[in-house]
N, C-alpha and C. Protein backbone atom coordinates (compact mmCIF):
# COMPACT_ATOMS: atom_id res chain seq x y z
N UNK A 1 -16.41 6.46 -10.14
CA UNK A 1 -15.70 5.25 -10.50
C UNK A 1 -14.79 4.85 -9.34
N UNK A 2 -14.99 3.68 -8.82
CA UNK A 2 -14.18 3.21 -7.70
C UNK A 2 -12.89 2.53 -8.14
N UNK A 3 -12.97 1.78 -9.22
CA UNK A 3 -11.83 0.95 -9.66
C UNK A 3 -10.93 1.72 -10.62
N UNK A 4 -9.68 1.27 -10.68
CA UNK A 4 -8.72 1.83 -11.63
C UNK A 4 -9.03 1.33 -13.03
N UNK A 5 -8.56 2.08 -14.01
CA UNK A 5 -8.58 1.64 -15.40
C UNK A 5 -7.15 1.79 -15.92
N UNK A 6 -6.92 1.40 -17.13
CA UNK A 6 -5.60 1.57 -17.73
C UNK A 6 -5.25 3.05 -17.89
N UNK A 7 -6.27 3.92 -17.91
CA UNK A 7 -6.04 5.35 -18.13
C UNK A 7 -5.93 6.16 -16.84
N UNK A 8 -6.42 5.64 -15.72
CA UNK A 8 -6.39 6.45 -14.51
C UNK A 8 -6.80 5.68 -13.27
N UNK A 9 -6.67 6.36 -12.15
CA UNK A 9 -6.95 5.78 -10.84
C UNK A 9 -8.39 6.01 -10.45
N UNK A 10 -8.96 5.02 -9.78
CA UNK A 10 -10.30 5.14 -9.24
C UNK A 10 -10.26 5.80 -7.87
N UNK A 11 -11.43 6.07 -7.35
CA UNK A 11 -11.56 6.77 -6.08
C UNK A 11 -10.87 6.03 -4.93
N UNK A 12 -10.97 4.72 -4.89
CA UNK A 12 -10.37 3.96 -3.79
C UNK A 12 -8.85 4.13 -3.79
N UNK A 13 -8.22 3.99 -4.95
CA UNK A 13 -6.76 4.14 -5.03
C UNK A 13 -6.33 5.56 -4.66
N UNK A 14 -7.08 6.55 -5.10
CA UNK A 14 -6.74 7.95 -4.80
C UNK A 14 -6.85 8.21 -3.31
N UNK A 15 -7.94 7.77 -2.69
CA UNK A 15 -8.13 8.00 -1.25
C UNK A 15 -7.05 7.27 -0.45
N UNK A 16 -6.76 6.02 -0.81
CA UNK A 16 -5.73 5.27 -0.08
C UNK A 16 -4.35 5.92 -0.25
N UNK A 17 -4.05 6.45 -1.43
CA UNK A 17 -2.78 7.13 -1.67
C UNK A 17 -2.62 8.35 -0.76
N UNK A 18 -3.63 9.23 -0.77
CA UNK A 18 -3.52 10.47 0.01
C UNK A 18 -3.64 10.22 1.51
N UNK A 19 -4.40 9.23 1.90
CA UNK A 19 -4.46 8.85 3.32
C UNK A 19 -3.09 8.35 3.77
N UNK A 20 -2.45 7.53 2.96
CA UNK A 20 -1.10 7.03 3.27
C UNK A 20 -0.11 8.18 3.32
N UNK A 21 -0.17 9.08 2.35
CA UNK A 21 0.77 10.20 2.31
C UNK A 21 0.63 11.07 3.55
N UNK A 22 -0.60 11.40 3.92
CA UNK A 22 -0.83 12.22 5.11
C UNK A 22 -0.33 11.52 6.37
N UNK A 23 -0.60 10.23 6.47
CA UNK A 23 -0.15 9.47 7.64
C UNK A 23 1.37 9.41 7.72
N UNK A 24 2.03 9.15 6.60
CA UNK A 24 3.50 9.07 6.60
C UNK A 24 4.10 10.41 7.02
N UNK A 25 3.63 11.49 6.43
CA UNK A 25 4.18 12.81 6.78
C UNK A 25 3.87 13.17 8.24
N UNK A 26 2.64 12.88 8.67
CA UNK A 26 2.27 13.15 10.05
C UNK A 26 3.07 12.32 11.04
N UNK A 27 3.27 11.05 10.72
CA UNK A 27 4.05 10.17 11.60
C UNK A 27 5.50 10.63 11.68
N UNK A 28 6.06 11.08 10.56
CA UNK A 28 7.43 11.56 10.57
C UNK A 28 7.54 12.81 11.44
N UNK A 29 6.61 13.74 11.26
CA UNK A 29 6.61 14.95 12.09
C UNK A 29 6.44 14.64 13.56
N UNK A 30 5.52 13.75 13.88
CA UNK A 30 5.30 13.36 15.27
C UNK A 30 6.54 12.67 15.83
N UNK A 31 7.15 11.80 15.03
CA UNK A 31 8.37 11.13 15.48
C UNK A 31 9.48 12.11 15.78
N UNK A 32 9.67 13.11 14.93
CA UNK A 32 10.70 14.13 15.18
C UNK A 32 10.40 14.91 16.45
N UNK A 33 9.13 15.22 16.65
CA UNK A 33 8.73 15.94 17.85
C UNK A 33 8.95 15.09 19.11
N UNK A 34 8.61 13.81 19.02
CA UNK A 34 8.69 12.94 20.20
C UNK A 34 10.13 12.72 20.67
N UNK A 35 11.09 12.65 19.74
CA UNK A 35 12.46 12.38 20.18
C UNK A 35 13.03 13.54 20.98
N UNK A 36 12.39 14.70 20.90
CA UNK A 36 12.84 15.85 21.69
C UNK A 36 12.19 15.91 23.06
N UNK A 37 11.17 15.09 23.30
CA UNK A 37 10.46 15.11 24.59
C UNK A 37 11.23 14.34 25.64
N UNK A 38 11.11 14.80 26.87
CA UNK A 38 11.69 14.03 27.97
C UNK A 38 10.66 13.01 28.44
N UNK A 39 11.13 12.03 29.18
CA UNK A 39 10.26 10.98 29.69
C UNK A 39 9.13 11.57 30.53
N UNK A 40 9.38 12.70 31.18
CA UNK A 40 8.40 13.29 32.09
C UNK A 40 7.50 14.33 31.42
N UNK A 41 7.67 14.55 30.16
CA UNK A 41 6.81 15.47 29.44
C UNK A 41 5.39 14.91 29.41
N UNK A 42 4.38 15.76 29.64
CA UNK A 42 2.99 15.27 29.66
C UNK A 42 2.55 14.56 28.37
N UNK A 43 3.10 14.97 27.23
CA UNK A 43 2.69 14.39 25.95
C UNK A 43 3.50 13.15 25.58
N UNK A 44 4.53 12.82 26.35
CA UNK A 44 5.42 11.73 25.99
C UNK A 44 4.67 10.42 25.76
N UNK A 45 3.89 9.99 26.72
CA UNK A 45 3.16 8.72 26.59
C UNK A 45 2.04 8.81 25.54
N UNK A 46 1.30 9.92 25.55
CA UNK A 46 0.22 10.08 24.57
C UNK A 46 0.78 10.09 23.15
N UNK A 47 1.88 10.79 22.95
CA UNK A 47 2.50 10.85 21.63
C UNK A 47 2.93 9.47 21.16
N UNK A 48 3.53 8.70 22.05
CA UNK A 48 3.93 7.34 21.70
C UNK A 48 2.73 6.48 21.34
N UNK A 49 1.67 6.58 22.12
CA UNK A 49 0.47 5.77 21.85
C UNK A 49 -0.17 6.15 20.51
N UNK A 50 -0.21 7.45 20.22
CA UNK A 50 -0.75 7.90 18.93
C UNK A 50 0.13 7.38 17.80
N UNK A 51 1.45 7.52 17.95
CA UNK A 51 2.40 7.08 16.92
C UNK A 51 2.26 5.58 16.65
N UNK A 52 2.19 4.80 17.71
CA UNK A 52 2.04 3.35 17.55
C UNK A 52 0.71 2.99 16.90
N UNK A 53 -0.37 3.62 17.37
CA UNK A 53 -1.71 3.30 16.84
C UNK A 53 -1.82 3.65 15.37
N UNK A 54 -1.36 4.84 15.01
CA UNK A 54 -1.41 5.24 13.60
C UNK A 54 -0.51 4.34 12.76
N UNK A 55 0.63 3.95 13.32
CA UNK A 55 1.53 3.04 12.60
C UNK A 55 0.87 1.72 12.27
N UNK A 56 0.14 1.15 13.22
CA UNK A 56 -0.56 -0.11 12.97
C UNK A 56 -1.66 0.10 11.92
N UNK A 57 -2.42 1.18 12.06
CA UNK A 57 -3.49 1.45 11.09
C UNK A 57 -2.91 1.71 9.70
N UNK A 58 -1.79 2.42 9.64
CA UNK A 58 -1.15 2.67 8.35
C UNK A 58 -0.68 1.36 7.72
N UNK A 59 -0.16 0.45 8.54
CA UNK A 59 0.24 -0.86 8.00
C UNK A 59 -0.96 -1.56 7.36
N UNK A 60 -2.11 -1.48 8.00
CA UNK A 60 -3.32 -2.09 7.43
C UNK A 60 -3.74 -1.40 6.14
N UNK A 61 -3.63 -0.08 6.10
CA UNK A 61 -3.97 0.68 4.88
C UNK A 61 -3.02 0.30 3.74
N UNK A 62 -1.74 0.15 4.05
CA UNK A 62 -0.77 -0.21 3.01
C UNK A 62 -1.05 -1.61 2.47
N UNK A 63 -1.42 -2.53 3.34
CA UNK A 63 -1.81 -3.87 2.88
C UNK A 63 -3.04 -3.76 1.97
N UNK A 64 -4.01 -2.93 2.37
CA UNK A 64 -5.20 -2.72 1.53
C UNK A 64 -4.81 -2.12 0.18
N UNK A 65 -3.87 -1.16 0.19
CA UNK A 65 -3.42 -0.56 -1.07
C UNK A 65 -2.82 -1.61 -2.00
N UNK A 66 -1.98 -2.46 -1.43
CA UNK A 66 -1.34 -3.49 -2.26
C UNK A 66 -2.36 -4.49 -2.79
N UNK A 67 -3.32 -4.87 -1.98
CA UNK A 67 -4.37 -5.77 -2.44
C UNK A 67 -5.21 -5.10 -3.53
N UNK A 68 -5.52 -3.83 -3.34
CA UNK A 68 -6.29 -3.09 -4.34
C UNK A 68 -5.50 -2.97 -5.64
N UNK A 69 -4.21 -2.69 -5.51
CA UNK A 69 -3.33 -2.59 -6.68
C UNK A 69 -3.31 -3.91 -7.45
N UNK A 70 -3.24 -5.01 -6.73
CA UNK A 70 -3.21 -6.34 -7.33
C UNK A 70 -4.54 -6.68 -8.01
N UNK A 71 -5.66 -6.23 -7.42
CA UNK A 71 -6.98 -6.60 -7.92
C UNK A 71 -7.49 -5.70 -9.04
N UNK A 72 -6.76 -4.64 -9.36
CA UNK A 72 -7.21 -3.68 -10.36
C UNK A 72 -6.30 -3.70 -11.58
N UNK A 73 -6.81 -3.19 -12.70
CA UNK A 73 -5.95 -3.06 -13.87
C UNK A 73 -4.78 -2.11 -13.57
N UNK A 74 -3.65 -2.37 -14.20
CA UNK A 74 -2.49 -1.51 -14.01
C UNK A 74 -2.71 -0.21 -14.79
N UNK A 75 -2.50 0.92 -14.12
CA UNK A 75 -2.61 2.22 -14.78
C UNK A 75 -1.35 2.42 -15.60
N UNK A 76 -1.54 2.65 -16.88
CA UNK A 76 -0.41 2.78 -17.81
C UNK A 76 0.26 4.15 -17.66
N UNK A 77 1.58 4.20 -17.78
CA UNK A 77 2.26 5.50 -17.80
C UNK A 77 1.80 6.30 -19.01
N UNK A 78 1.87 7.61 -18.89
CA UNK A 78 1.41 8.47 -19.99
C UNK A 78 2.37 8.46 -21.16
N UNK A 79 3.68 8.38 -20.87
CA UNK A 79 4.67 8.46 -21.94
C UNK A 79 5.54 7.22 -21.94
N UNK A 80 5.67 6.58 -23.08
CA UNK A 80 6.53 5.41 -23.20
C UNK A 80 7.22 5.39 -24.56
N UNK A 81 7.27 6.54 -25.23
CA UNK A 81 7.73 6.54 -26.62
C UNK A 81 9.25 6.45 -26.77
N UNK A 82 10.01 7.08 -25.88
CA UNK A 82 11.47 7.08 -26.03
C UNK A 82 12.11 6.16 -24.99
N UNK A 83 13.38 5.89 -25.19
CA UNK A 83 14.09 5.07 -24.22
C UNK A 83 14.22 5.83 -22.89
N UNK A 84 14.28 7.17 -22.91
CA UNK A 84 14.32 7.96 -21.68
C UNK A 84 13.00 7.82 -20.92
N UNK A 85 11.87 7.85 -21.64
CA UNK A 85 10.56 7.65 -21.01
C UNK A 85 10.49 6.28 -20.34
N UNK A 86 10.96 5.28 -21.05
CA UNK A 86 10.93 3.91 -20.51
C UNK A 86 11.81 3.80 -19.26
N UNK A 87 12.98 4.44 -19.30
CA UNK A 87 13.90 4.41 -18.15
C UNK A 87 13.26 5.13 -16.96
N UNK A 88 12.63 6.28 -17.20
CA UNK A 88 11.97 7.01 -16.12
C UNK A 88 10.81 6.20 -15.55
N UNK A 89 10.06 5.54 -16.40
CA UNK A 89 8.95 4.70 -15.91
C UNK A 89 9.47 3.53 -15.08
N UNK A 90 10.59 2.95 -15.49
CA UNK A 90 11.19 1.86 -14.72
C UNK A 90 11.66 2.37 -13.36
N UNK A 91 12.31 3.55 -13.35
CA UNK A 91 12.77 4.14 -12.08
C UNK A 91 11.58 4.46 -11.17
N UNK A 92 10.50 4.96 -11.75
CA UNK A 92 9.31 5.27 -10.96
C UNK A 92 8.73 4.01 -10.33
N UNK A 93 8.68 2.94 -11.11
CA UNK A 93 8.17 1.66 -10.58
C UNK A 93 9.05 1.16 -9.45
N UNK A 94 10.36 1.22 -9.64
CA UNK A 94 11.29 0.79 -8.59
C UNK A 94 11.15 1.65 -7.34
N UNK A 95 10.99 2.96 -7.53
CA UNK A 95 10.82 3.86 -6.38
C UNK A 95 9.55 3.54 -5.60
N UNK A 96 8.45 3.24 -6.33
CA UNK A 96 7.21 2.88 -5.64
C UNK A 96 7.40 1.61 -4.80
N UNK A 97 8.01 0.59 -5.38
CA UNK A 97 8.22 -0.66 -4.64
C UNK A 97 9.19 -0.46 -3.49
N UNK A 98 10.19 0.41 -3.66
CA UNK A 98 11.11 0.71 -2.57
C UNK A 98 10.38 1.42 -1.42
N UNK A 99 9.44 2.30 -1.75
CA UNK A 99 8.65 2.94 -0.70
C UNK A 99 7.86 1.90 0.09
N UNK A 100 7.24 0.94 -0.61
CA UNK A 100 6.52 -0.12 0.10
C UNK A 100 7.46 -0.93 0.98
N UNK A 101 8.63 -1.26 0.46
CA UNK A 101 9.62 -2.02 1.23
C UNK A 101 10.04 -1.25 2.48
N UNK A 102 10.34 0.03 2.31
CA UNK A 102 10.73 0.85 3.47
C UNK A 102 9.60 0.95 4.48
N UNK A 103 8.37 1.07 4.00
CA UNK A 103 7.23 1.13 4.92
C UNK A 103 7.13 -0.16 5.75
N UNK A 104 7.24 -1.31 5.10
CA UNK A 104 7.14 -2.56 5.85
C UNK A 104 8.32 -2.76 6.79
N UNK A 105 9.49 -2.28 6.40
CA UNK A 105 10.64 -2.34 7.31
C UNK A 105 10.41 -1.40 8.50
N UNK A 106 9.80 -0.25 8.26
CA UNK A 106 9.47 0.67 9.36
C UNK A 106 8.43 0.05 10.29
N UNK A 107 7.41 -0.59 9.72
CA UNK A 107 6.39 -1.24 10.56
C UNK A 107 7.03 -2.31 11.43
N UNK A 108 7.93 -3.09 10.83
CA UNK A 108 8.58 -4.17 11.57
C UNK A 108 9.47 -3.61 12.67
N UNK A 109 10.29 -2.62 12.35
CA UNK A 109 11.18 -2.06 13.37
C UNK A 109 10.37 -1.37 14.47
N UNK A 110 9.29 -0.68 14.10
CA UNK A 110 8.43 -0.06 15.10
C UNK A 110 7.79 -1.09 16.02
N UNK A 111 7.35 -2.19 15.43
CA UNK A 111 6.79 -3.28 16.23
C UNK A 111 7.85 -3.82 17.20
N UNK A 112 9.06 -4.03 16.71
CA UNK A 112 10.13 -4.56 17.56
C UNK A 112 10.49 -3.61 18.70
N UNK A 113 10.44 -2.32 18.45
CA UNK A 113 10.69 -1.33 19.51
C UNK A 113 9.58 -1.42 20.55
N UNK A 114 8.35 -1.39 20.07
CA UNK A 114 7.18 -1.24 20.93
C UNK A 114 6.86 -2.47 21.76
N UNK A 115 7.26 -3.64 21.30
CA UNK A 115 6.86 -4.87 21.98
C UNK A 115 8.02 -5.58 22.66
N UNK A 116 9.19 -4.98 22.67
CA UNK A 116 10.35 -5.67 23.25
C UNK A 116 10.19 -5.91 24.75
N UNK A 117 9.33 -5.11 25.40
CA UNK A 117 9.11 -5.30 26.84
C UNK A 117 8.00 -6.31 27.13
N UNK A 118 7.46 -6.94 26.09
CA UNK A 118 6.45 -7.97 26.28
C UNK A 118 5.02 -7.46 26.25
N UNK A 119 4.84 -6.15 26.17
CA UNK A 119 3.48 -5.59 26.15
C UNK A 119 2.95 -5.48 24.72
N UNK A 120 1.66 -5.70 24.59
CA UNK A 120 0.99 -5.57 23.29
C UNK A 120 0.90 -4.09 22.90
N UNK A 121 0.65 -3.84 21.63
CA UNK A 121 0.41 -2.47 21.16
C UNK A 121 -1.11 -2.27 21.14
N UNK A 122 -1.58 -1.34 21.97
CA UNK A 122 -3.00 -0.99 22.00
C UNK A 122 -3.26 0.04 20.92
N UNK A 123 -4.23 -0.24 20.05
CA UNK A 123 -4.54 0.64 18.93
C UNK A 123 -5.80 1.43 19.28
N UNK A 124 -5.60 2.61 19.84
CA UNK A 124 -6.68 3.51 20.24
C UNK A 124 -7.74 2.82 21.09
N UNK A 125 -7.38 1.75 21.79
CA UNK A 125 -8.34 1.02 22.62
C UNK A 125 -9.30 0.15 21.81
N UNK A 126 -9.11 0.07 20.50
CA UNK A 126 -10.00 -0.72 19.64
C UNK A 126 -9.60 -2.18 19.62
N UNK A 127 -8.32 -2.44 19.53
CA UNK A 127 -7.79 -3.79 19.51
C UNK A 127 -6.31 -3.72 19.89
N UNK A 128 -5.73 -4.89 20.15
CA UNK A 128 -4.32 -4.94 20.55
C UNK A 128 -3.56 -5.88 19.62
N UNK A 129 -2.33 -5.50 19.33
CA UNK A 129 -1.44 -6.35 18.55
C UNK A 129 -0.49 -7.00 19.56
N UNK A 130 -0.53 -8.33 19.69
CA UNK A 130 0.25 -8.99 20.74
C UNK A 130 1.76 -8.87 20.52
N UNK A 131 2.47 -8.99 21.61
CA UNK A 131 3.92 -8.93 21.59
C UNK A 131 4.52 -10.32 21.43
N UNK A 132 5.63 -10.38 20.72
CA UNK A 132 6.42 -11.61 20.67
C UNK A 132 7.55 -11.57 21.69
N UNK A 133 7.61 -10.47 22.44
CA UNK A 133 8.65 -10.29 23.44
C UNK A 133 9.97 -9.90 22.81
N UNK A 134 11.01 -9.97 23.63
CA UNK A 134 12.35 -9.62 23.14
C UNK A 134 12.92 -10.81 22.38
N UNK A 135 13.15 -10.62 21.09
CA UNK A 135 13.63 -11.69 20.23
C UNK A 135 15.15 -11.74 20.14
N UNK A 136 15.83 -10.61 20.47
CA UNK A 136 17.29 -10.56 20.47
C UNK A 136 17.75 -9.49 21.44
N UNK A 137 19.00 -9.59 21.87
CA UNK A 137 19.56 -8.65 22.83
C UNK A 137 19.51 -7.22 22.29
N UNK A 138 19.19 -6.30 23.16
CA UNK A 138 19.12 -4.86 22.84
C UNK A 138 18.16 -4.59 21.68
N UNK A 139 17.11 -5.36 21.62
CA UNK A 139 16.14 -5.26 20.52
C UNK A 139 15.60 -3.84 20.36
N UNK A 140 15.19 -3.23 21.46
CA UNK A 140 14.59 -1.91 21.38
C UNK A 140 15.58 -0.87 20.85
N UNK A 141 16.82 -0.92 21.33
CA UNK A 141 17.83 0.06 20.89
C UNK A 141 18.21 -0.14 19.42
N UNK A 142 18.44 -1.38 19.03
CA UNK A 142 18.83 -1.67 17.64
C UNK A 142 17.68 -1.33 16.70
N UNK A 143 16.47 -1.78 17.05
CA UNK A 143 15.31 -1.49 16.20
C UNK A 143 15.04 0.01 16.15
N UNK A 144 15.31 0.72 17.24
CA UNK A 144 15.11 2.17 17.27
C UNK A 144 16.05 2.88 16.31
N UNK A 145 17.29 2.46 16.28
CA UNK A 145 18.26 3.05 15.35
C UNK A 145 17.87 2.76 13.91
N UNK A 146 17.50 1.51 13.64
CA UNK A 146 17.06 1.13 12.29
C UNK A 146 15.83 1.94 11.90
N UNK A 147 14.88 2.08 12.83
CA UNK A 147 13.64 2.82 12.58
C UNK A 147 13.95 4.27 12.19
N UNK A 148 14.87 4.88 12.88
CA UNK A 148 15.25 6.26 12.60
C UNK A 148 15.80 6.41 11.18
N UNK A 149 16.75 5.56 10.82
CA UNK A 149 17.35 5.66 9.48
C UNK A 149 16.35 5.30 8.37
N UNK A 150 15.50 4.33 8.63
CA UNK A 150 14.46 3.99 7.65
C UNK A 150 13.49 5.15 7.44
N UNK A 151 13.13 5.81 8.53
CA UNK A 151 12.21 6.94 8.43
C UNK A 151 12.81 8.06 7.58
N UNK A 152 14.07 8.39 7.82
CA UNK A 152 14.72 9.42 7.02
C UNK A 152 14.85 8.98 5.56
N UNK A 153 15.15 7.71 5.34
CA UNK A 153 15.24 7.19 3.97
C UNK A 153 13.91 7.28 3.26
N UNK A 154 12.83 6.92 3.95
CA UNK A 154 11.50 6.99 3.35
C UNK A 154 11.14 8.43 3.02
N UNK A 155 11.40 9.34 3.94
CA UNK A 155 11.05 10.74 3.69
C UNK A 155 11.85 11.30 2.52
N UNK A 156 13.11 10.91 2.39
CA UNK A 156 13.91 11.34 1.24
C UNK A 156 13.30 10.83 -0.06
N UNK A 157 12.88 9.57 -0.07
CA UNK A 157 12.27 8.99 -1.26
C UNK A 157 10.90 9.62 -1.55
N UNK A 158 10.14 9.93 -0.51
CA UNK A 158 8.86 10.61 -0.68
C UNK A 158 9.09 12.00 -1.29
N UNK A 159 10.15 12.69 -0.87
CA UNK A 159 10.46 14.00 -1.43
C UNK A 159 10.79 13.89 -2.92
N UNK A 160 11.57 12.88 -3.28
CA UNK A 160 11.89 12.66 -4.70
C UNK A 160 10.61 12.35 -5.48
N UNK A 161 9.75 11.53 -4.90
CA UNK A 161 8.48 11.17 -5.51
C UNK A 161 7.63 12.43 -5.76
N UNK A 162 7.53 13.29 -4.75
CA UNK A 162 6.75 14.52 -4.88
C UNK A 162 7.36 15.45 -5.92
N UNK A 163 8.67 15.57 -5.91
CA UNK A 163 9.34 16.42 -6.91
C UNK A 163 9.12 15.89 -8.33
N UNK A 164 9.15 14.58 -8.48
CA UNK A 164 8.90 13.99 -9.80
C UNK A 164 7.47 14.28 -10.25
N UNK A 165 6.52 14.21 -9.33
CA UNK A 165 5.13 14.53 -9.69
C UNK A 165 5.00 15.99 -10.10
N UNK A 166 5.67 16.88 -9.37
CA UNK A 166 5.64 18.29 -9.72
C UNK A 166 6.33 18.56 -11.06
N UNK A 167 7.41 17.84 -11.34
CA UNK A 167 8.10 17.95 -12.64
C UNK A 167 7.15 17.56 -13.77
N UNK A 168 6.42 16.46 -13.55
CA UNK A 168 5.46 16.04 -14.57
C UNK A 168 4.41 17.13 -14.81
N UNK A 169 3.97 17.75 -13.73
CA UNK A 169 2.90 18.74 -13.84
C UNK A 169 3.38 20.06 -14.47
N UNK A 170 4.52 20.58 -13.97
CA UNK A 170 4.94 21.91 -14.38
C UNK A 170 5.93 21.93 -15.55
N UNK A 171 6.75 20.88 -15.69
CA UNK A 171 7.73 20.86 -16.78
C UNK A 171 7.18 20.08 -17.97
N UNK A 172 6.77 18.84 -17.72
CA UNK A 172 6.25 18.02 -18.82
C UNK A 172 4.83 18.44 -19.23
N UNK A 173 4.12 19.06 -18.28
CA UNK A 173 2.73 19.48 -18.49
C UNK A 173 1.83 18.31 -18.92
N UNK A 174 2.03 17.18 -18.23
CA UNK A 174 1.16 16.03 -18.52
C UNK A 174 0.21 15.79 -17.35
N UNK A 175 -0.59 14.76 -17.45
CA UNK A 175 -1.65 14.49 -16.47
C UNK A 175 -1.23 13.53 -15.34
N UNK A 176 0.06 13.27 -15.19
CA UNK A 176 0.51 12.32 -14.18
C UNK A 176 0.01 12.70 -12.79
N UNK A 177 0.24 13.92 -12.37
CA UNK A 177 -0.19 14.37 -11.04
C UNK A 177 -1.71 14.49 -10.96
N UNK A 178 -2.31 15.01 -11.99
CA UNK A 178 -3.77 15.18 -11.99
C UNK A 178 -4.48 13.84 -11.83
N UNK A 179 -3.90 12.78 -12.38
CA UNK A 179 -4.54 11.46 -12.27
C UNK A 179 -4.61 10.98 -10.82
N UNK A 180 -3.77 11.53 -9.93
CA UNK A 180 -3.82 11.12 -8.53
C UNK A 180 -4.73 12.03 -7.71
N UNK A 181 -5.35 13.01 -8.36
CA UNK A 181 -6.32 13.87 -7.70
C UNK A 181 -7.73 13.67 -8.22
N UNK A 182 -7.84 13.30 -9.47
CA UNK A 182 -9.13 13.30 -10.14
C UNK A 182 -9.43 11.91 -10.71
N UNK A 183 -10.59 11.40 -10.39
CA UNK A 183 -11.04 10.12 -10.93
C UNK A 183 -11.24 10.29 -12.43
N UNK A 184 -10.68 9.36 -13.19
CA UNK A 184 -10.79 9.39 -14.65
C UNK A 184 -11.88 8.42 -15.07
N UNK A 185 -12.82 8.91 -15.85
CA UNK A 185 -13.85 8.01 -16.40
C UNK A 185 -13.20 7.08 -17.41
N UNK A 186 -13.75 5.92 -17.56
CA UNK A 186 -13.18 4.95 -18.50
C UNK A 186 -13.25 5.45 -19.95
N UNK A 187 -14.10 6.45 -20.21
CA UNK A 187 -14.22 7.01 -21.56
C UNK A 187 -13.10 7.98 -21.88
N UNK A 188 -12.45 8.56 -20.87
CA UNK A 188 -11.41 9.59 -21.11
C UNK A 188 -10.11 9.00 -21.53
C-alpha cells in the first residue's frame, strides 16, 4: 500500500519520514564535525559541498512530504478519548508543524550562508541552485549564527519527538511508533 489511510501510513510516507530523519541527523552530525575543521583541512571543502547538496535534496524531500501529506487522508491519532489525549494530540500536531517550520528556516539560512558570495550551490554536480547574492550586510555571519541556533532547536525538538514515540511504544503500549515502521492495510 503506497497511500496513507485513516488507520496508518503508506509506504511513501514511511520512506519519506525515515529518509528525512536520517538526513537531518546526518546533517547535524556533519555540521558539528565541520565547525571543528580548519580552512586547510582536506575535508573542509568536500564536507561543505556534501552538507549543501544534501541540504538542497532534503528541502526537496520535505516539500514532497508536505505535498504527499496534503494529497493523502489524514492518519487519525490512536487515542482521543480523554481531554489529556486531545491535548497530547494537539501538542504533537504543533510539534510536527514546528519541525517543518524549523526545517524551512534552516534551508533558508543555509542558502543565505552559501550564496552570499554570489556563487550558486552545486548539488553533487547534478544541478545548481542560483545565488541571489548578498541581500544584506554581514549576511553570511548573521545567517550562520541563525543556522546554528535553528539546528540545535530542531535537534532538541527531534529528541522530544523520538522520546514521545518511545513513550507511546513502551509506556502506552500502543501502535503509534509501529505505524511509522509498518505499512497498515486498509482492512486493519
